[in-house]
Amino acid sequence: MSSPVSHRSSLVFLAITLLTFLAASSAPTPLYHLYQEGLHFSAGMLTLVFGVYALSLLVALLTVGSLSDHLGRKPVIFAALLLNMLAMLLFINEGSVAWLIAARTLQGFATGMATAVLGAALLDTDRQQGPLVNSVAPLLGMACGAMGSSLLVEFAPLPTQLIYWTLLALMLLQAVYVWRLAETVSRIPGALASLRPTLHVPPQARRALWLALPVDVA
């Protein structure tokens, strides 16, 4: 069995994983005109595809935002990665606007879950650099996702699939590597009770939320 990775390696891994989620959240944006042309849906339906992401992200923050305090950081990071990988597969195999809505909904929930748990894990790992990563990750990650997707659309084959295959491969590696991290919290009772929706947003997720929502809804 592998020993836990170093403190610095943990910080780098958590930062890259957070950037991956946020890059994935903006990756579909340059592709929407291709989806609209290929699937022949209206501007109103396009607005719905955008909107379900923000709604599901909020639902995740209000329900599973504190779940990792009870189950541990690693299992929740792993679960968020699995959900986002499933969303990538839905994007890859999209055949109708319903698939896009399902993919975007699942992606929003996974990103909300990940934003909360990765933000907490970064603070657990480094109280000085963790807040800095949480501050810069939203805009940097979403910028990289949108720019990377645009470049692949312009210069690479499979314009509506390659970005998702790339992200899927990266998330698969992260899902394997996450178990090498040292767990930073002990399991405590109350996991089911913590799922009850509240209007409380975890402090470590607030900046990422307010920065991410306007860009994703615009």
C-alpha atoms as a PDB file:
ATOM      1  CA  MET A   1       0.000   0.000   0.000  1.00  0.00           C
ATOM      2  CA  SER A   2       1.398   3.417  -0.944  1.00  0.00           C
ATOM      3  CA  SER A   3       2.223   5.871   1.796  1.00  0.00           C
ATOM      4  CA  PRO A   4       0.458   9.262   1.824  1.00  0.00           C
ATOM      5  CA  VAL A   5       1.981  11.900  -0.420  1.00  0.00           C
ATOM      6  CA  SER A   6       3.858  14.924   0.869  1.00  0.00           C
ATOM      7  CA  HIS A   7       2.224  18.128   2.042  1.00  0.00           C
ATOM      8  CA  ARG A   8       3.365  20.031  -1.055  1.00  0.00           C
ATOM      9  CA  SER A   9       2.227  17.279  -3.411  1.00  0.00           C
ATOM     10  CA  SER A  10      -1.168  17.240  -1.710  1.00  0.00           C
ATOM     11  CA  LEU A  11      -1.523  20.991  -2.142  1.00  0.00           C
ATOM     12  CA  VAL A  12      -0.583  20.817  -5.827  1.00  0.00           C
ATOM     13  CA  PHE A  13      -2.939  17.910  -6.454  1.00  0.00           C
ATOM     14  CA  LEU A  14      -5.880  19.627  -4.751  1.00  0.00           C
ATOM     15  CA  ALA A  15      -5.220  22.847  -6.676  1.00  0.00           C
ATOM     16  CA  ILE A  16      -5.049  21.038 -10.024  1.00  0.00           C
ATOM     17  CA  THR A  17      -8.199  19.075  -9.236  1.00  0.00           C
ATOM     18  CA  LEU A  18     -10.102  22.250  -8.358  1.00  0.00           C
ATOM     19  CA  LEU A  19      -8.857  23.877 -11.567  1.00  0.00           C
ATOM     20  CA  THR A  20      -9.997  20.814 -13.512  1.00  0.00           C
ATOM     21  CA  PHE A  21     -13.550  21.044 -12.189  1.00  0.00           C
ATOM     22  CA  LEU A  22     -13.752  24.744 -12.953  1.00  0.00           C
ATOM     23  CA  ALA A  23     -12.195  24.333 -16.392  1.00  0.00           C
ATOM     24  CA  ALA A  24     -14.745  21.628 -17.148  1.00  0.00           C
ATOM     25  CA  SER A  25     -17.545  23.958 -16.061  1.00  0.00           C
ATOM     26  CA  SER A  26     -16.696  26.464 -18.806  1.00  0.00           C
ATOM     27  CA  ALA A  27     -15.558  23.985 -21.463  1.00  0.00           C
ATOM     28  CA  PRO A  28     -19.045  23.613 -23.031  1.00  0.00           C
ATOM     29  CA  THR A  29     -19.458  27.358 -23.579  1.00  0.00           C
ATOM     30  CA  PRO A  30     -17.590  27.625 -26.933  1.00  0.00           C
ATOM     31  CA  LEU A  31     -19.473  24.559 -28.172  1.00  0.00           C
ATOM     32  CA  TYR A  32     -23.021  25.777 -27.666  1.00  0.00           C
ATOM     33  CA  HIS A  33     -23.317  27.283 -31.128  1.00  0.00           C
ATOM     34  CA  LEU A  34     -22.333  23.901 -32.583  1.00  0.00           C
ATOM     35  CA  TYR A  35     -24.895  22.144 -30.412  1.00  0.00           C
ATOM     36  CA  GLN A  36     -27.537  24.675 -31.417  1.00  0.00           C
ATOM     37  CA  GLU A  37     -26.799  24.210 -35.115  1.00  0.00           C
ATOM     38  CA  GLY A  38     -26.668  20.436 -34.907  1.00  0.00           C
ATOM     39  CA  LEU A  39     -29.628  19.849 -32.593  1.00  0.00           C
ATOM     40  CA  HIS A  40     -31.770  22.765 -33.823  1.00  0.00           C
ATOM     41  CA  PHE A  41     -32.929  24.118 -30.471  1.00  0.00           C
ATOM     42  CA  SER A  42     -34.071  27.631 -29.639  1.00  0.00           C
ATOM     43  CA  ALA A  43     -32.326  30.423 -27.786  1.00  0.00           C
ATOM     44  CA  GLY A  44     -34.731  29.852 -24.912  1.00  0.00           C
ATOM     45  CA  MET A  45     -33.652  26.227 -24.675  1.00  0.00           C
ATOM     46  CA  LEU A  46     -30.026  27.351 -24.723  1.00  0.00           C
ATOM     47  CA  THR A  47     -30.768  29.579 -21.738  1.00  0.00           C
ATOM     48  CA  LEU A  48     -32.222  26.561 -19.946  1.00  0.00           C
ATOM     49  CA  VAL A  49     -29.071  24.533 -20.641  1.00  0.00           C
ATOM     50  CA  PHE A  50     -27.045  27.343 -19.062  1.00  0.00           C
ATOM     51  CA  GLY A  51     -29.412  27.810 -16.144  1.00  0.00           C
ATOM     52  CA  VAL A  52     -29.642  24.221 -14.937  1.00  0.00           C
ATOM     53  CA  TYR A  53     -25.915  24.255 -14.191  1.00  0.00           C
ATOM     54  CA  ALA A  54     -26.207  27.156 -11.761  1.00  0.00           C
ATOM     55  CA  LEU A  55     -29.291  25.674 -10.112  1.00  0.00           C
ATOM     56  CA  SER A  56     -27.752  22.251  -9.573  1.00  0.00           C
ATOM     57  CA  LEU A  57     -24.527  23.819  -8.286  1.00  0.00           C
ATOM     58  CA  LEU A  58     -26.513  25.721  -5.667  1.00  0.00           C
ATOM     59  CA  VAL A  59     -28.439  22.582  -4.715  1.00  0.00           C
ATOM     60  CA  ALA A  60     -25.150  20.764  -4.157  1.00  0.00           C
ATOM     61  CA  LEU A  61     -23.723  23.529  -1.986  1.00  0.00           C
ATOM     62  CA  LEU A  62     -26.897  23.631   0.108  1.00  0.00           C
ATOM     63  CA  THR A  63     -27.100  19.864   0.600  1.00  0.00           C
ATOM     64  CA  VAL A  64     -23.726  18.126   0.338  1.00  0.00           C
ATOM     65  CA  GLY A  65     -21.550  21.156   1.059  1.00  0.00           C
ATOM     66  CA  SER A  66     -20.631  19.887   4.531  1.00  0.00           C
ATOM     67  CA  LEU A  67     -20.819  16.152   3.815  1.00  0.00           C
ATOM     68  CA  SER A  68     -17.035  15.765   3.849  1.00  0.00           C
ATOM     69  CA  ASP A  69     -16.962  16.934   7.482  1.00  0.00           C
ATOM     70  CA  HIS A  70     -18.730  13.659   8.308  1.00  0.00           C
ATOM     71  CA  LEU A  71     -17.449  11.190   5.705  1.00  0.00           C
ATOM     72  CA  GLY A  72     -13.943  12.539   5.137  1.00  0.00           C
ATOM     73  CA  ARG A  73     -12.469  14.628   2.342  1.00  0.00           C
ATOM     74  CA  LYS A  74     -11.200  11.813   0.112  1.00  0.00           C
ATOM     75  CA  PRO A  75     -14.474   9.886  -0.375  1.00  0.00           C
ATOM     76  CA  VAL A  76     -16.366  13.059  -1.269  1.00  0.00           C
ATOM     77  CA  ILE A  77     -13.671  14.243  -3.699  1.00  0.00           C
ATOM     78  CA  PHE A  78     -13.797  10.791  -5.291  1.00  0.00           C
ATOM     79  CA  ALA A  79     -17.603  10.899  -5.556  1.00  0.00           C
ATOM     80  CA  ALA A  80     -17.503  14.361  -7.150  1.00  0.00           C
ATOM     81  CA  LEU A  81     -14.947  13.136  -9.686  1.00  0.00           C
ATOM     82  CA  LEU A  82     -17.115  10.131 -10.569  1.00  0.00           C
ATOM     83  CA  LEU A  83     -20.162  12.360 -11.096  1.00  0.00           C
ATOM     84  CA  ASN A  84     -18.201  14.755 -13.276  1.00  0.00           C
ATOM     85  CA  MET A  85     -16.757  11.887 -15.307  1.00  0.00           C
ATOM     86  CA  LEU A  86     -20.301  10.682 -15.930  1.00  0.00           C
ATOM     87  CA  ALA A  87     -21.200  14.211 -17.054  1.00  0.00           C
ATOM     88  CA  MET A  88     -18.263  14.137 -19.493  1.00  0.00           C
ATOM     89  CA  LEU A  89     -19.574  10.868 -20.948  1.00  0.00           C
ATOM     90  CA  LEU A  90     -23.011  12.424 -21.379  1.00  0.00           C
ATOM     91  CA  PHE A  91     -21.459  15.353 -23.247  1.00  0.00           C
ATOM     92  CA  ILE A  92     -19.439  12.990 -25.440  1.00  0.00           C
ATOM     93  CA  ASN A  93     -22.523  10.966 -26.364  1.00  0.00           C
ATOM     94  CA  GLU A  94     -24.993  13.841 -26.618  1.00  0.00           C
ATOM     95  CA  GLY A  95     -27.722  13.122 -29.117  1.00  0.00           C
ATOM     96  CA  SER A  96     -30.409  15.571 -28.072  1.00  0.00           C
ATOM     97  CA  VAL A  97     -30.896  18.682 -25.995  1.00  0.00           C
ATOM     98  CA  ALA A  98     -32.151  16.445 -23.169  1.00  0.00           C
ATOM     99  CA  TRP A  99     -28.687  14.892 -22.983  1.00  0.00           C
ATOM    100  CA  LEU A 100     -27.116  18.341 -22.757  1.00  0.00           C
ATOM    101  CA  ILE A 101     -29.470  19.322 -19.951  1.00  0.00           C
ATOM    102  CA  ALA A 102     -28.720  16.087 -18.094  1.00  0.00           C
ATOM    103  CA  ALA A 103     -24.972  16.542 -18.563  1.00  0.00           C
ATOM    104  CA  ARG A 104     -25.023  20.164 -17.436  1.00  0.00           C
ATOM    105  CA  THR A 105     -27.216  19.363 -14.428  1.00  0.00           C
ATOM    106  CA  LEU A 106     -24.941  16.553 -13.300  1.00  0.00           C
ATOM    107  CA  GLN A 107     -21.881  18.690 -13.908  1.00  0.00           C
ATOM    108  CA  GLY A 108     -23.287  21.518 -11.815  1.00  0.00           C
ATOM    109  CA  PHE A 109     -23.973  19.210  -8.884  1.00  0.00           C
ATOM    110  CA  ALA A 110     -20.516  17.629  -9.130  1.00  0.00           C
ATOM    111  CA  THR A 111     -18.854  21.051  -9.300  1.00  0.00           C
ATOM    112  CA  GLY A 112     -20.785  22.321  -6.287  1.00  0.00           C
ATOM    113  CA  MET A 113     -19.778  19.247  -4.308  1.00  0.00           C
ATOM    114  CA  ALA A 114     -16.163  19.563  -5.434  1.00  0.00           C
ATOM    115  CA  THR A 115     -15.922  23.292  -4.757  1.00  0.00           C
ATOM    116  CA  ALA A 116     -16.952  22.773  -1.141  1.00  0.00           C
ATOM    117  CA  VAL A 117     -14.812  19.737  -0.349  1.00  0.00           C
ATOM    118  CA  LEU A 118     -11.710  20.858  -2.259  1.00  0.00           C
ATOM    119  CA  GLY A 119     -11.925  24.300  -0.689  1.00  0.00           C
ATOM    120  CA  ALA A 120     -12.044  22.700   2.750  1.00  0.00           C
ATOM    121  CA  ALA A 121      -9.236  20.260   1.913  1.00  0.00           C
ATOM    122  CA  LEU A 122      -7.014  23.094   0.689  1.00  0.00           C
ATOM    123  CA  LEU A 123      -7.500  24.936   3.979  1.00  0.00           C
ATOM    124  CA  ASP A 124      -6.819  21.741   5.916  1.00  0.00           C
ATOM    125  CA  THR A 125      -3.601  21.219   3.972  1.00  0.00           C
ATOM    126  CA  ASP A 126      -2.224  24.754   4.060  1.00  0.00           C
ATOM    127  CA  ARG A 127      -3.810  27.603   5.992  1.00  0.00           C
ATOM    128  CA  GLN A 128      -1.657  30.175   4.207  1.00  0.00           C
ATOM    129  CA  GLN A 129      -1.683  29.088   0.565  1.00  0.00           C
ATOM    130  CA  GLY A 130      -5.060  27.345   0.624  1.00  0.00           C
ATOM    131  CA  PRO A 131      -7.081  30.595   0.649  1.00  0.00           C
ATOM    132  CA  LEU A 132      -4.956  31.948  -2.218  1.00  0.00           C
ATOM    133  CA  VAL A 133      -5.676  28.885  -4.350  1.00  0.00           C
ATOM    134  CA  ASN A 134      -9.378  29.149  -3.541  1.00  0.00           C
ATOM    135  CA  SER A 135      -9.308  32.787  -4.644  1.00  0.00           C
ATOM    136  CA  VAL A 136      -7.567  32.413  -7.990  1.00  0.00           C
ATOM    137  CA  ALA A 137      -8.889  29.003  -9.051  1.00  0.00           C
ATOM    138  CA  PRO A 138     -12.383  30.040 -10.261  1.00  0.00           C
ATOM    139  CA  LEU A 139     -11.354  32.637 -12.826  1.00  0.00           C
ATOM    140  CA  LEU A 140      -8.152  30.840 -13.834  1.00  0.00           C
ATOM    141  CA  GLY A 141      -9.866  27.478 -14.194  1.00  0.00           C
ATOM    142  CA  MET A 142     -12.826  28.792 -16.164  1.00  0.00           C
ATOM    143  CA  ALA A 143     -10.557  30.852 -18.421  1.00  0.00           C
ATOM    144  CA  CYS A 144      -8.417  27.795 -19.180  1.00  0.00           C
ATOM    145  CA  GLY A 145     -11.497  25.679 -19.871  1.00  0.00           C
ATOM    146  CA  ALA A 146     -13.066  28.148 -22.274  1.00  0.00           C
ATOM    147  CA  MET A 147      -9.803  28.927 -24.069  1.00  0.00           C
ATOM    148  CA  GLY A 148      -8.765  25.294 -24.313  1.00  0.00           C
ATOM    149  CA  SER A 149     -12.146  24.292 -25.670  1.00  0.00           C
ATOM    150  CA  SER A 150     -12.063  27.131 -28.213  1.00  0.00           C
ATOM    151  CA  LEU A 151      -8.621  26.101 -29.455  1.00  0.00           C
ATOM    152  CA  LEU A 152      -9.659  22.475 -29.843  1.00  0.00           C
ATOM    153  CA  VAL A 153     -12.790  23.508 -31.733  1.00  0.00           C
ATOM    154  CA  GLU A 154     -10.704  25.606 -34.102  1.00  0.00           C
ATOM    155  CA  PHE A 155      -7.697  23.378 -34.684  1.00  0.00           C
ATOM    156  CA  ALA A 156      -8.445  19.792 -33.602  1.00  0.00           C
ATOM    157  CA  PRO A 157     -10.731  16.994 -34.804  1.00  0.00           C
ATOM    158  CA  LEU A 158     -13.909  15.937 -32.972  1.00  0.00           C
ATOM    159  CA  PRO A 159     -14.709  19.487 -31.818  1.00  0.00           C
ATOM    160  CA  THR A 160     -17.635  18.469 -29.584  1.00  0.00           C
ATOM    161  CA  GLN A 161     -15.843  15.509 -28.006  1.00  0.00           C
ATOM    162  CA  LEU A 162     -12.081  15.979 -27.698  1.00  0.00           C
ATOM    163  CA  ILE A 163     -12.211  18.462 -24.807  1.00  0.00           C
ATOM    164  CA  TYR A 164     -14.403  16.082 -22.825  1.00  0.00           C
ATOM    165  CA  TRP A 165     -12.177  13.086 -23.531  1.00  0.00           C
ATOM    166  CA  THR A 166      -9.210  15.140 -22.325  1.00  0.00           C
ATOM    167  CA  LEU A 167     -10.975  16.169 -19.126  1.00  0.00           C
ATOM    168  CA  LEU A 168     -12.280  12.645 -18.578  1.00  0.00           C
ATOM    169  CA  ALA A 169      -8.759  11.206 -18.752  1.00  0.00           C
ATOM    170  CA  LEU A 170      -7.458  13.816 -16.321  1.00  0.00           C
ATOM    171  CA  MET A 171     -10.300  13.162 -13.870  1.00  0.00           C
ATOM    172  CA  LEU A 172      -9.711   9.422 -14.065  1.00  0.00           C
ATOM    173  CA  LEU A 173      -6.100   9.935 -13.000  1.00  0.00           C
ATOM    174  CA  GLN A 174      -7.237  12.203 -10.186  1.00  0.00           C
ATOM    175  CA  ALA A 175      -9.811   9.654  -9.000  1.00  0.00           C
ATOM    176  CA  VAL A 176      -7.022   7.092  -8.646  1.00  0.00           C
ATOM    177  CA  TYR A 177      -4.509   9.467  -7.069  1.00  0.00           C
ATOM    178  CA  VAL A 178      -6.861  10.968  -4.484  1.00  0.00           C
ATOM    179  CA  TRP A 179      -6.635   7.844  -2.321  1.00  0.00           C
ATOM    180  CA  ARG A 180      -2.931   8.527  -1.783  1.00  0.00           C
ATOM    181  CA  LEU A 181      -3.703  11.742   0.090  1.00  0.00           C
ATOM    182  CA  ALA A 182      -3.643  11.831   3.862  1.00  0.00           C
ATOM    183  CA  GLU A 183      -7.165  12.197   5.263  1.00  0.00           C
ATOM    184  CA  THR A 184      -7.422  15.497   7.134  1.00  0.00           C
ATOM    185  CA  VAL A 185     -10.652  14.934   9.088  1.00  0.00           C
ATOM    186  CA  SER A 186     -12.050  12.131  11.214  1.00  0.00           C
ATOM    187  CA  ARG A 187     -15.444  10.664  10.445  1.00  0.00           C
ATOM    188  CA  ILE A 188     -18.203  11.902  12.705  1.00  0.00           C
ATOM    189  CA  PRO A 189     -21.912  11.019  12.902  1.00  0.00           C
ATOM    190  CA  GLY A 190     -24.584  13.115  11.256  1.00  0.00           C
ATOM    191  CA  ALA A 191     -23.934  12.596   7.537  1.00  0.00           C
ATOM    192  CA  LEU A 192     -27.621  12.123   6.696  1.00  0.00           C
ATOM    193  CA  ALA A 193     -28.681  15.099   8.803  1.00  0.00           C
ATOM    194  CA  SER A 194     -26.086  17.254   7.031  1.00  0.00           C
ATOM    195  CA  LEU A 195     -27.924  16.678   3.732  1.00  0.00           C
ATOM    196  CA  ARG A 196     -30.891  18.723   4.923  1.00  0.00           C
ATOM    197  CA  PRO A 197     -30.888  21.864   2.734  1.00  0.00           C
ATOM    198  CA  THR A 198     -29.793  25.028   4.477  1.00  0.00           C
ATOM    199  CA  LEU A 199     -29.043  28.553   3.338  1.00  0.00           C
ATOM    200  CA  HIS A 200     -25.510  28.268   4.669  1.00  0.00           C
ATOM    201  CA  VAL A 201     -22.693  28.183   2.133  1.00  0.00           C
ATOM    202  CA  PRO A 202     -19.369  26.861   3.491  1.00  0.00           C
ATOM    203  CA  PRO A 203     -16.944  29.781   3.932  1.00  0.00           C
ATOM    204  CA  GLN A 204     -14.272  28.095   1.838  1.00  0.00           C
ATOM    205  CA  ALA A 205     -16.697  27.832  -1.098  1.00  0.00           C
ATOM    206  CA  ARG A 206     -18.197  31.319  -1.041  1.00  0.00           C
ATOM    207  CA  ARG A 207     -15.636  33.153  -3.158  1.00  0.00           C
ATOM    208  CA  ALA A 208     -15.577  30.387  -5.749  1.00  0.00           C
ATOM    209  CA  LEU A 209     -19.382  30.416  -5.864  1.00  0.00           C
ATOM    210  CA  TRP A 210     -19.789  34.153  -6.372  1.00  0.00           C
ATOM    211  CA  LEU A 211     -17.055  34.254  -9.006  1.00  0.00           C
ATOM    212  CA  ALA A 212     -18.298  31.191 -10.861  1.00  0.00           C
ATOM    213  CA  LEU A 213     -22.018  31.860 -11.023  1.00  0.00           C
ATOM    214  CA  PRO A 214     -22.056  35.076 -13.109  1.00  0.00           C
ATOM    215  CA  VAL A 215     -19.713  33.591 -15.704  1.00  0.00           C
ATOM    216  CA  ASP A 216     -21.640  30.349 -16.014  1.00  0.00           C
ATOM    217  CA  VAL A 217     -25.071  31.985 -16.134  1.00  0.00           C
ATOM    218  CA  ALA A 218     -24.070  34.792 -18.530  1.00  0.00           C
END
